[in-house]
Amino acid sequence: MPVSFEKDIVPILRQFRGPMLWRFDLTRYEDVKGNADKIYSQISTNQMPPPPFPPLTGEQAKLFKAWMAEDFPA
């Protein structure tokens, strides 16, 4: 099943939007797509999200990677 930004990625990232607004908007497609490599690097090494948030699950990180591999469907 295809991964989509609105259906799959935004619900994962929405909770971290506030702490990241100084850098970019995690609910804005263009911002996340343009920073996808950086975001994946951070979530796959548990550097993002910032404390006190728990790290993303392995499934959430895989979903983000799949979204990237599928060429960022909106």
PDB file of N, CA and C in Angstrom:
ATOM      1  N   MET A   1       0.846  -1.182   0.000  1.00  0.00           N
ATOM      2  CA  MET A   1       0.000   0.000   0.000  1.00  0.00           C
ATOM      3  C   MET A   1       0.891   1.245   0.000  1.00  0.00           C
ATOM      4  N   PRO A   2       0.628   2.192  -0.872  1.00  0.00           N
ATOM      5  CA  PRO A   2       1.462   3.389  -0.954  1.00  0.00           C
ATOM      6  C   PRO A   2       1.403   4.238   0.324  1.00  0.00           C
ATOM      7  N   VAL A   3       2.505   4.856   0.606  1.00  0.00           N
ATOM      8  CA  VAL A   3       2.607   5.757   1.748  1.00  0.00           C
ATOM      9  C   VAL A   3       2.308   7.168   1.259  1.00  0.00           C
ATOM     10  N   SER A   4       1.557   7.945   2.029  1.00  0.00           N
ATOM     11  CA  SER A   4       1.302   9.327   1.622  1.00  0.00           C
ATOM     12  C   SER A   4       1.686  10.279   2.755  1.00  0.00           C
ATOM     13  N   PHE A   5       2.075  11.463   2.370  1.00  0.00           N
ATOM     14  CA  PHE A   5       2.468  12.468   3.347  1.00  0.00           C
ATOM     15  C   PHE A   5       1.312  12.786   4.294  1.00  0.00           C
ATOM     16  N   GLU A   6       0.167  13.124   3.729  1.00  0.00           N
ATOM     17  CA  GLU A   6      -0.976  13.551   4.550  1.00  0.00           C
ATOM     18  C   GLU A   6      -1.516  12.436   5.432  1.00  0.00           C
ATOM     19  N   LYS A   7      -1.604  11.233   4.908  1.00  0.00           N
ATOM     20  CA  LYS A   7      -2.229  10.126   5.632  1.00  0.00           C
ATOM     21  C   LYS A   7      -1.272   9.458   6.617  1.00  0.00           C
ATOM     22  N   ASP A   8       0.002   9.341   6.245  1.00  0.00           N
ATOM     23  CA  ASP A   8       0.932   8.543   7.043  1.00  0.00           C
ATOM     24  C   ASP A   8       2.027   9.337   7.756  1.00  0.00           C
ATOM     25  N   ILE A   9       2.582  10.340   7.093  1.00  0.00           N
ATOM     26  CA  ILE A   9       3.744  11.036   7.635  1.00  0.00           C
ATOM     27  C   ILE A   9       3.352  12.171   8.578  1.00  0.00           C
ATOM     28  N   VAL A  10       2.406  12.997   8.183  1.00  0.00           N
ATOM     29  CA  VAL A  10       1.987  14.110   9.042  1.00  0.00           C
ATOM     30  C   VAL A  10       1.536  13.625  10.424  1.00  0.00           C
ATOM     31  N   PRO A  11       0.740  12.559  10.530  1.00  0.00           N
ATOM     32  CA  PRO A  11       0.343  12.122  11.875  1.00  0.00           C
ATOM     33  C   PRO A  11       1.530  11.741  12.773  1.00  0.00           C
ATOM     34  N   ILE A  12       2.601  11.246  12.193  1.00  0.00           N
ATOM     35  CA  ILE A  12       3.792  10.909  12.973  1.00  0.00           C
ATOM     36  C   ILE A  12       4.510  12.169  13.434  1.00  0.00           C
ATOM     37  N   LEU A  13       4.660  13.135  12.536  1.00  0.00           N
ATOM     38  CA  LEU A  13       5.484  14.310  12.804  1.00  0.00           C
ATOM     39  C   LEU A  13       4.757  15.472  13.472  1.00  0.00           C
ATOM     40  N   ARG A  14       3.437  15.493  13.394  1.00  0.00           N
ATOM     41  CA  ARG A  14       2.656  16.639  13.902  1.00  0.00           C
ATOM     42  C   ARG A  14       3.009  16.995  15.346  1.00  0.00           C
ATOM     43  N   GLN A  15       3.197  15.997  16.188  1.00  0.00           N
ATOM     44  CA  GLN A  15       3.455  16.261  17.612  1.00  0.00           C
ATOM     45  C   GLN A  15       4.778  16.992  17.855  1.00  0.00           C
ATOM     46  N   PHE A  16       5.685  16.963  16.890  1.00  0.00           N
ATOM     47  CA  PHE A  16       6.993  17.608  17.040  1.00  0.00           C
ATOM     48  C   PHE A  16       7.067  18.958  16.335  1.00  0.00           C
ATOM     49  N   ARG A  17       5.963  19.379  15.764  1.00  0.00           N
ATOM     50  CA  ARG A  17       5.936  20.607  14.973  1.00  0.00           C
ATOM     51  C   ARG A  17       6.401  21.813  15.777  1.00  0.00           C
ATOM     52  N   GLY A  18       5.829  22.011  16.957  1.00  0.00           N
ATOM     53  CA  GLY A  18       6.156  23.173  17.782  1.00  0.00           C
ATOM     54  C   GLY A  18       7.643  23.319  18.063  1.00  0.00           C
ATOM     55  N   PRO A  19       8.295  22.267  18.597  1.00  0.00           N
ATOM     56  CA  PRO A  19       9.724  22.390  18.894  1.00  0.00           C
ATOM     57  C   PRO A  19      10.606  22.597  17.662  1.00  0.00           C
ATOM     58  N   MET A  20      10.098  22.237  16.481  1.00  0.00           N
ATOM     59  CA  MET A  20      10.923  22.347  15.267  1.00  0.00           C
ATOM     60  C   MET A  20      10.607  23.580  14.432  1.00  0.00           C
ATOM     61  N   LEU A  21       9.600  24.381  14.809  1.00  0.00           N
ATOM     62  CA  LEU A  21       9.191  25.515  13.974  1.00  0.00           C
ATOM     63  C   LEU A  21      10.311  26.530  13.760  1.00  0.00           C
ATOM     64  N   TRP A  22      11.275  26.588  14.634  1.00  0.00           N
ATOM     65  CA  TRP A  22      12.395  27.515  14.455  1.00  0.00           C
ATOM     66  C   TRP A  22      13.197  27.143  13.215  1.00  0.00           C
ATOM     67  N   ARG A  23      13.075  25.890  12.807  1.00  0.00           N
ATOM     68  CA  ARG A  23      13.856  25.403  11.670  1.00  0.00           C
ATOM     69  C   ARG A  23      13.001  25.235  10.415  1.00  0.00           C
ATOM     70  N   PHE A  24      11.917  24.465  10.538  1.00  0.00           N
ATOM     71  CA  PHE A  24      10.955  24.276   9.447  1.00  0.00           C
ATOM     72  C   PHE A  24       9.690  23.663  10.016  1.00  0.00           C
ATOM     73  N   ASP A  25       8.648  23.616   9.195  1.00  0.00           N
ATOM     74  CA  ASP A  25       7.335  23.138   9.618  1.00  0.00           C
ATOM     75  C   ASP A  25       7.180  21.665   9.251  1.00  0.00           C
ATOM     76  N   LEU A  26       7.098  20.809  10.257  1.00  0.00           N
ATOM     77  CA  LEU A  26       6.990  19.372  10.022  1.00  0.00           C
ATOM     78  C   LEU A  26       5.632  18.932   9.494  1.00  0.00           C
ATOM     79  N   THR A  27       4.694  19.844   9.359  1.00  0.00           N
ATOM     80  CA  THR A  27       3.407  19.493   8.763  1.00  0.00           C
ATOM     81  C   THR A  27       3.285  20.052   7.351  1.00  0.00           C
ATOM     82  N   ARG A  28       4.313  20.684   6.868  1.00  0.00           N
ATOM     83  CA  ARG A  28       4.306  21.280   5.524  1.00  0.00           C
ATOM     84  C   ARG A  28       5.092  20.375   4.569  1.00  0.00           C
ATOM     85  N   TYR A  29       4.418  19.883   3.552  1.00  0.00           N
ATOM     86  CA  TYR A  29       4.992  18.932   2.605  1.00  0.00           C
ATOM     87  C   TYR A  29       6.344  19.393   2.067  1.00  0.00           C
ATOM     88  N   GLU A  30       6.418  20.625   1.587  1.00  0.00           N
ATOM     89  CA  GLU A  30       7.645  21.116   0.970  1.00  0.00           C
ATOM     90  C   GLU A  30       8.812  21.135   1.961  1.00  0.00           C
ATOM     91  N   ASP A  31       8.538  21.505   3.198  1.00  0.00           N
ATOM     92  CA  ASP A  31       9.584  21.539   4.227  1.00  0.00           C
ATOM     93  C   ASP A  31      10.106  20.138   4.541  1.00  0.00           C
ATOM     94  N   VAL A  32       9.188  19.205   4.701  1.00  0.00           N
ATOM     95  CA  VAL A  32       9.597  17.845   5.062  1.00  0.00           C
ATOM     96  C   VAL A  32      10.296  17.174   3.879  1.00  0.00           C
ATOM     97  N   LYS A  33       9.747  17.322   2.693  1.00  0.00           N
ATOM     98  CA  LYS A  33      10.391  16.734   1.512  1.00  0.00           C
ATOM     99  C   LYS A  33      11.793  17.311   1.321  1.00  0.00           C
ATOM    100  N   GLY A  34      11.932  18.615   1.454  1.00  0.00           N
ATOM    101  CA  GLY A  34      13.216  19.269   1.258  1.00  0.00           C
ATOM    102  C   GLY A  34      14.257  18.915   2.314  1.00  0.00           C
ATOM    103  N   ASN A  35      13.814  18.415   3.439  1.00  0.00           N
ATOM    104  CA  ASN A  35      14.712  18.044   4.541  1.00  0.00           C
ATOM    105  C   ASN A  35      14.628  16.565   4.879  1.00  0.00           C
ATOM    106  N   ALA A  36      14.059  15.773   3.992  1.00  0.00           N
ATOM    107  CA  ALA A  36      13.794  14.360   4.277  1.00  0.00           C
ATOM    108  C   ALA A  36      15.054  13.586   4.655  1.00  0.00           C
ATOM    109  N   ASP A  37      16.158  13.801   3.951  1.00  0.00           N
ATOM    110  CA  ASP A  37      17.391  13.080   4.285  1.00  0.00           C
ATOM    111  C   ASP A  37      17.860  13.408   5.695  1.00  0.00           C
ATOM    112  N   LYS A  38      17.814  14.684   6.038  1.00  0.00           N
ATOM    113  CA  LYS A  38      18.223  15.110   7.379  1.00  0.00           C
ATOM    114  C   LYS A  38      17.281  14.541   8.440  1.00  0.00           C
ATOM    115  N   ILE A  39      15.982  14.612   8.159  1.00  0.00           N
ATOM    116  CA  ILE A  39      14.993  14.109   9.107  1.00  0.00           C
ATOM    117  C   ILE A  39      15.194  12.610   9.313  1.00  0.00           C
ATOM    118  N   TYR A  40      15.348  11.871   8.220  1.00  0.00           N
ATOM    119  CA  TYR A  40      15.523  10.424   8.356  1.00  0.00           C
ATOM    120  C   TYR A  40      16.798  10.097   9.127  1.00  0.00           C
ATOM    121  N   SER A  41      17.847  10.818   8.851  1.00  0.00           N
ATOM    122  CA  SER A  41      19.100  10.605   9.571  1.00  0.00           C
ATOM    123  C   SER A  41      18.897  10.788  11.069  1.00  0.00           C
ATOM    124  N   GLN A  42      18.120  11.776  11.441  1.00  0.00           N
ATOM    125  CA  GLN A  42      17.865  12.057  12.857  1.00  0.00           C
ATOM    126  C   GLN A  42      16.932  11.025  13.491  1.00  0.00           C
ATOM    127  N   ILE A  43      15.860  10.656  12.780  1.00  0.00           N
ATOM    128  CA  ILE A  43      14.916   9.710  13.394  1.00  0.00           C
ATOM    129  C   ILE A  43      15.470   8.290  13.411  1.00  0.00           C
ATOM    130  N   SER A  44      16.304   7.937  12.440  1.00  0.00           N
ATOM    131  CA  SER A  44      16.832   6.576  12.401  1.00  0.00           C
ATOM    132  C   SER A  44      17.937   6.346  13.428  1.00  0.00           C
ATOM    133  N   THR A  45      18.486   7.421  13.981  1.00  0.00           N
ATOM    134  CA  THR A  45      19.520   7.304  15.013  1.00  0.00           C
ATOM    135  C   THR A  45      19.011   7.798  16.374  1.00  0.00           C
ATOM    136  N   ASN A  46      17.701   7.960  16.481  1.00  0.00           N
ATOM    137  CA  ASN A  46      17.039   8.387  17.723  1.00  0.00           C
ATOM    138  C   ASN A  46      17.523   9.747  18.235  1.00  0.00           C
ATOM    139  N   GLN A  47      17.977  10.617  17.327  1.00  0.00           N
ATOM    140  CA  GLN A  47      18.351  11.972  17.705  1.00  0.00           C
ATOM    141  C   GLN A  47      17.154  12.915  17.593  1.00  0.00           C
ATOM    142  N   MET A  48      16.141  12.488  16.887  1.00  0.00           N
ATOM    143  CA  MET A  48      14.908  13.226  16.732  1.00  0.00           C
ATOM    144  C   MET A  48      13.794  12.226  16.993  1.00  0.00           C
ATOM    145  N   PRO A  49      12.802  12.585  17.698  1.00  0.00           N
ATOM    146  CA  PRO A  49      12.446  13.886  18.223  1.00  0.00           C
ATOM    147  C   PRO A  49      13.261  14.252  19.460  1.00  0.00           C
ATOM    148  N   PRO A  50      13.225  15.537  19.790  1.00  0.00           N
ATOM    149  CA  PRO A  50      13.970  15.992  20.966  1.00  0.00           C
ATOM    150  C   PRO A  50      13.282  15.556  22.263  1.00  0.00           C
ATOM    151  N   PRO A  51      14.058  15.427  23.335  1.00  0.00           N
ATOM    152  CA  PRO A  51      13.436  15.164  24.633  1.00  0.00           C
ATOM    153  C   PRO A  51      12.456  16.284  24.957  1.00  0.00           C
ATOM    154  N   PRO A  52      11.395  16.006  25.606  1.00  0.00           N
ATOM    155  CA  PRO A  52      11.053  14.811  26.349  1.00  0.00           C
ATOM    156  C   PRO A  52      10.278  13.783  25.530  1.00  0.00           C
ATOM    157  N   PHE A  53      10.186  13.962  24.222  1.00  0.00           N
ATOM    158  CA  PHE A  53       9.437  13.026  23.383  1.00  0.00           C
ATOM    159  C   PHE A  53      10.173  11.699  23.279  1.00  0.00           C
ATOM    160  N   PRO A  54       9.426  10.580  23.242  1.00  0.00           N
ATOM    161  CA  PRO A  54      10.073   9.288  23.032  1.00  0.00           C
ATOM    162  C   PRO A  54      10.516   9.164  21.568  1.00  0.00           C
ATOM    163  N   PRO A  55      11.527   8.351  21.300  1.00  0.00           N
ATOM    164  CA  PRO A  55      11.949   8.161  19.912  1.00  0.00           C
ATOM    165  C   PRO A  55      10.836   7.523  19.092  1.00  0.00           C
ATOM    166  N   LEU A  56      10.904   7.712  17.792  1.00  0.00           N
ATOM    167  CA  LEU A  56       9.945   7.048  16.914  1.00  0.00           C
ATOM    168  C   LEU A  56      10.188   5.547  16.968  1.00  0.00           C
ATOM    169  N   THR A  57       9.158   4.805  16.682  1.00  0.00           N
ATOM    170  CA  THR A  57       9.303   3.350  16.637  1.00  0.00           C
ATOM    171  C   THR A  57      10.028   2.958  15.356  1.00  0.00           C
ATOM    172  N   GLY A  58      10.513   1.744  15.320  1.00  0.00           N
ATOM    173  CA  GLY A  58      11.135   1.229  14.100  1.00  0.00           C
ATOM    174  C   GLY A  58      10.166   1.254  12.936  1.00  0.00           C
ATOM    175  N   GLU A  59       8.907   0.949  13.210  1.00  0.00           N
ATOM    176  CA  GLU A  59       7.886   0.974  12.151  1.00  0.00           C
ATOM    177  C   GLU A  59       7.677   2.381  11.612  1.00  0.00           C
ATOM    178  N   GLN A  60       7.666   3.359  12.474  1.00  0.00           N
ATOM    179  CA  GLN A  60       7.499   4.748  12.018  1.00  0.00           C
ATOM    180  C   GLN A  60       8.690   5.181  11.170  1.00  0.00           C
ATOM    181  N   ALA A  61       9.892   4.827  11.574  1.00  0.00           N
ATOM    182  CA  ALA A  61      11.085   5.167  10.789  1.00  0.00           C
ATOM    183  C   ALA A  61      11.047   4.468   9.434  1.00  0.00           C
ATOM    184  N   LYS A  62      10.616   3.207   9.412  1.00  0.00           N
ATOM    185  CA  LYS A  62      10.502   2.470   8.144  1.00  0.00           C
ATOM    186  C   LYS A  62       9.465   3.113   7.235  1.00  0.00           C
ATOM    187  N   LEU A  63       8.374   3.575   7.811  1.00  0.00           N
ATOM    188  CA  LEU A  63       7.324   4.233   7.030  1.00  0.00           C
ATOM    189  C   LEU A  63       7.870   5.513   6.391  1.00  0.00           C
ATOM    190  N   PHE A  64       8.637   6.281   7.143  1.00  0.00           N
ATOM    191  CA  PHE A  64       9.236   7.498   6.603  1.00  0.00           C
ATOM    192  C   PHE A  64      10.197   7.148   5.470  1.00  0.00           C
ATOM    193  N   LYS A  65      11.011   6.125   5.659  1.00  0.00           N
ATOM    194  CA  LYS A  65      11.951   5.685   4.628  1.00  0.00           C
ATOM    195  C   LYS A  65      11.202   5.218   3.385  1.00  0.00           C
ATOM    196  N   ALA A  66      10.100   4.501   3.569  1.00  0.00           N
ATOM    197  CA  ALA A  66       9.282   4.049   2.441  1.00  0.00           C
ATOM    198  C   ALA A  66       8.711   5.237   1.677  1.00  0.00           C
ATOM    199  N   TRP A  67       8.276   6.253   2.399  1.00  0.00           N
ATOM    200  CA  TRP A  67       7.759   7.466   1.759  1.00  0.00           C
ATOM    201  C   TRP A  67       8.837   8.091   0.879  1.00  0.00           C
ATOM    202  N   MET A  68      10.050   8.141   1.378  1.00  0.00           N
ATOM    203  CA  MET A  68      11.159   8.675   0.593  1.00  0.00           C
ATOM    204  C   MET A  68      11.408   7.793  -0.634  1.00  0.00           C
ATOM    205  N   ALA A  69      11.437   6.495  -0.441  1.00  0.00           N
ATOM    206  CA  ALA A  69      11.708   5.544  -1.542  1.00  0.00           C
ATOM    207  C   ALA A  69      10.635   5.601  -2.628  1.00  0.00           C
ATOM    208  N   GLU A  70       9.417   5.939  -2.223  1.00  0.00           N
ATOM    209  CA  GLU A  70       8.299   6.022  -3.176  1.00  0.00           C
ATOM    210  C   GLU A  70       8.227   7.399  -3.845  1.00  0.00           C
ATOM    211  N   ASP A  71       9.268   8.188  -3.680  1.00  0.00           N
ATOM    212  CA  ASP A  71       9.389   9.518  -4.304  1.00  0.00           C
ATOM    213  C   ASP A  71       8.414  10.537  -3.720  1.00  0.00           C
ATOM    214  N   PHE A  72       8.228  10.468  -2.394  1.00  0.00           N
ATOM    215  CA  PHE A  72       7.518  11.505  -1.636  1.00  0.00           C
ATOM    216  C   PHE A  72       6.074  11.758  -2.070  1.00  0.00           C
ATOM    217  N   PRO A  73       5.224  10.716  -2.130  1.00  0.00           N
ATOM    218  CA  PRO A  73       3.837  10.992  -2.507  1.00  0.00           C
ATOM    219  C   PRO A  73       3.144  11.922  -1.503  1.00  0.00           C
ATOM    220  N   ALA A  74       2.377  12.852  -2.036  1.00  0.00           N
ATOM    221  CA  ALA A  74       1.672  13.813  -1.189  1.00  0.00           C
ATOM    222  C   ALA A  74       0.503  13.122  -0.517  1.00  0.00           C
TER     223      ALA A  74
END
